Amino acid sequence: MRVITFKLTEDVLEAVDRYAIRHGMSRSEVIRLALIKLIDTSAQPHGELKVKKLVVK
């Protein structure tokens, strides 16, 4: 796996951390899962992906 760096707002990061604690997951696992689900459900024809907003509850 490759390591990447990106920025999140404080409220999104707090939501990720709350989810991780509730589900016994790491922060990285939560973010990976969210991205995989987003891509699986939002993929457009020809591999295009349009993202407007990512919400983790």
N, C-alpha and C. Protein backbone atom coordinates (compact mmCIF):
# COMPACT_ATOMS: atom_id res chain seq x y z
N MET A 1 0.83 -1.18 0.00
CA MET A 1 0.00 0.00 0.00
C MET A 1 0.88 1.24 0.00
N ARG A 2 0.43 2.27 -0.69
CA ARG A 2 1.16 3.54 -0.70
C ARG A 2 0.63 4.45 0.40
N VAL A 3 1.49 5.25 0.92
CA VAL A 3 1.12 6.25 1.92
C VAL A 3 0.85 7.57 1.20
N ILE A 4 -0.29 8.19 1.53
CA ILE A 4 -0.63 9.49 0.94
C ILE A 4 -0.93 10.48 2.06
N THR A 5 -0.88 11.74 1.74
CA THR A 5 -1.18 12.79 2.70
C THR A 5 -2.24 13.70 2.10
N PHE A 6 -3.24 14.03 2.89
CA PHE A 6 -4.23 15.00 2.44
C PHE A 6 -4.81 15.71 3.65
N LYS A 7 -5.55 16.78 3.40
CA LYS A 7 -6.09 17.59 4.48
C LYS A 7 -7.58 17.33 4.66
N LEU A 8 -8.02 17.36 5.93
CA LEU A 8 -9.43 17.26 6.28
C LEU A 8 -9.75 18.40 7.23
N THR A 9 -10.98 18.87 7.18
CA THR A 9 -11.39 19.85 8.17
C THR A 9 -11.46 19.17 9.54
N GLU A 10 -11.38 19.96 10.57
CA GLU A 10 -11.39 19.40 11.94
C GLU A 10 -12.66 18.62 12.21
N ASP A 11 -13.81 19.10 11.74
CA ASP A 11 -15.06 18.38 12.01
C ASP A 11 -15.12 17.05 11.28
N VAL A 12 -14.60 16.97 10.08
CA VAL A 12 -14.57 15.69 9.36
C VAL A 12 -13.62 14.72 10.06
N LEU A 13 -12.47 15.20 10.47
CA LEU A 13 -11.52 14.35 11.16
C LEU A 13 -12.10 13.82 12.47
N GLU A 14 -12.81 14.65 13.20
CA GLU A 14 -13.46 14.21 14.43
C GLU A 14 -14.51 13.14 14.14
N ALA A 15 -15.26 13.30 13.06
CA ALA A 15 -16.26 12.31 12.68
C ALA A 15 -15.59 10.98 12.31
N VAL A 16 -14.49 11.06 11.59
CA VAL A 16 -13.74 9.85 11.24
C VAL A 16 -13.26 9.14 12.51
N ASP A 17 -12.72 9.90 13.43
CA ASP A 17 -12.23 9.32 14.68
C ASP A 17 -13.35 8.69 15.51
N ARG A 18 -14.50 9.35 15.58
CA ARG A 18 -15.65 8.78 16.32
C ARG A 18 -16.09 7.46 15.69
N TYR A 19 -16.17 7.44 14.37
CA TYR A 19 -16.56 6.22 13.67
C TYR A 19 -15.55 5.11 13.94
N ALA A 20 -14.28 5.45 13.88
CA ALA A 20 -13.21 4.47 14.10
C ALA A 20 -13.31 3.87 15.50
N ILE A 21 -13.52 4.70 16.49
CA ILE A 21 -13.63 4.20 17.86
C ILE A 21 -14.85 3.29 18.02
N ARG A 22 -16.00 3.73 17.50
CA ARG A 22 -17.23 2.93 17.62
C ARG A 22 -17.12 1.57 16.95
N HIS A 23 -16.34 1.50 15.87
CA HIS A 23 -16.27 0.26 15.09
C HIS A 23 -14.95 -0.49 15.25
N GLY A 24 -14.12 -0.07 16.19
CA GLY A 24 -12.85 -0.75 16.44
C GLY A 24 -11.92 -0.75 15.24
N MET A 25 -11.89 0.37 14.54
CA MET A 25 -11.08 0.49 13.34
C MET A 25 -10.05 1.60 13.52
N SER A 26 -9.04 1.59 12.67
CA SER A 26 -8.08 2.70 12.66
C SER A 26 -8.65 3.82 11.79
N ARG A 27 -8.08 4.99 11.95
CA ARG A 27 -8.46 6.13 11.11
C ARG A 27 -8.26 5.78 9.64
N SER A 28 -7.13 5.17 9.32
CA SER A 28 -6.84 4.80 7.92
C SER A 28 -7.86 3.82 7.37
N GLU A 29 -8.28 2.85 8.19
CA GLU A 29 -9.27 1.87 7.73
C GLU A 29 -10.60 2.55 7.41
N VAL A 30 -11.00 3.50 8.24
CA VAL A 30 -12.26 4.22 8.01
C VAL A 30 -12.19 5.00 6.71
N ILE A 31 -11.11 5.71 6.49
CA ILE A 31 -10.97 6.51 5.28
C ILE A 31 -10.92 5.61 4.05
N ARG A 32 -10.18 4.50 4.12
CA ARG A 32 -10.15 3.56 3.00
C ARG A 32 -11.54 3.03 2.69
N LEU A 33 -12.27 2.60 3.72
CA LEU A 33 -13.62 2.07 3.54
C LEU A 33 -14.54 3.11 2.92
N ALA A 34 -14.48 4.34 3.41
CA ALA A 34 -15.32 5.40 2.86
C ALA A 34 -15.02 5.65 1.39
N LEU A 35 -13.75 5.68 1.05
CA LEU A 35 -13.37 5.91 -0.35
C LEU A 35 -13.79 4.75 -1.25
N ILE A 36 -13.61 3.53 -0.77
CA ILE A 36 -14.01 2.36 -1.56
C ILE A 36 -15.51 2.37 -1.79
N LYS A 37 -16.29 2.65 -0.74
CA LYS A 37 -17.75 2.70 -0.90
C LYS A 37 -18.17 3.82 -1.84
N LEU A 38 -17.52 4.96 -1.73
CA LEU A 38 -17.83 6.08 -2.61
C LEU A 38 -17.56 5.73 -4.06
N ILE A 39 -16.42 5.13 -4.30
CA ILE A 39 -16.04 4.76 -5.67
C ILE A 39 -16.96 3.67 -6.21
N ASP A 40 -17.28 2.67 -5.39
CA ASP A 40 -18.16 1.58 -5.83
C ASP A 40 -19.55 2.06 -6.18
N THR A 41 -20.06 3.05 -5.45
CA THR A 41 -21.44 3.50 -5.68
C THR A 41 -21.54 4.70 -6.60
N SER A 42 -20.44 5.38 -6.84
CA SER A 42 -20.50 6.62 -7.62
C SER A 42 -19.75 6.58 -8.94
N ALA A 43 -19.16 5.45 -9.25
CA ALA A 43 -18.33 5.38 -10.47
C ALA A 43 -19.19 5.68 -11.70
N GLN A 44 -18.66 6.52 -12.54
CA GLN A 44 -19.32 6.89 -13.79
C GLN A 44 -18.75 6.03 -14.93
N PRO A 45 -19.43 5.99 -16.07
CA PRO A 45 -18.89 5.25 -17.21
C PRO A 45 -17.47 5.71 -17.56
N HIS A 46 -16.68 4.81 -18.06
CA HIS A 46 -15.31 5.08 -18.50
C HIS A 46 -14.39 5.42 -17.34
N GLY A 47 -14.73 4.97 -16.13
CA GLY A 47 -13.86 5.16 -14.99
C GLY A 47 -13.81 6.56 -14.42
N GLU A 48 -14.73 7.43 -14.85
CA GLU A 48 -14.74 8.78 -14.32
C GLU A 48 -15.42 8.79 -12.96
N LEU A 49 -14.98 9.67 -12.08
CA LEU A 49 -15.57 9.78 -10.75
C LEU A 49 -15.77 11.26 -10.43
N LYS A 50 -17.00 11.61 -10.06
CA LYS A 50 -17.28 12.98 -9.69
C LYS A 50 -17.70 12.99 -8.21
N VAL A 51 -16.95 13.73 -7.39
CA VAL A 51 -17.21 13.78 -5.97
C VAL A 51 -17.59 15.21 -5.60
N LYS A 52 -18.77 15.36 -4.98
CA LYS A 52 -19.18 16.68 -4.53
C LYS A 52 -18.92 16.83 -3.03
N LYS A 53 -19.24 15.78 -2.25
CA LYS A 53 -19.08 15.89 -0.82
C LYS A 53 -18.97 14.49 -0.22
N LEU A 54 -18.08 14.32 0.74
CA LEU A 54 -17.92 13.05 1.44
C LEU A 54 -18.32 13.27 2.89
N VAL A 55 -19.29 12.49 3.34
CA VAL A 55 -19.76 12.61 4.71
C VAL A 55 -19.58 11.27 5.40
N VAL A 56 -18.90 11.29 6.56
CA VAL A 56 -18.70 10.08 7.36
C VAL A 56 -19.43 10.30 8.67
N LYS A 57 -20.37 9.41 8.97
CA LYS A 57 -21.15 9.55 10.22
C LYS A 57 -20.69 8.51 11.21
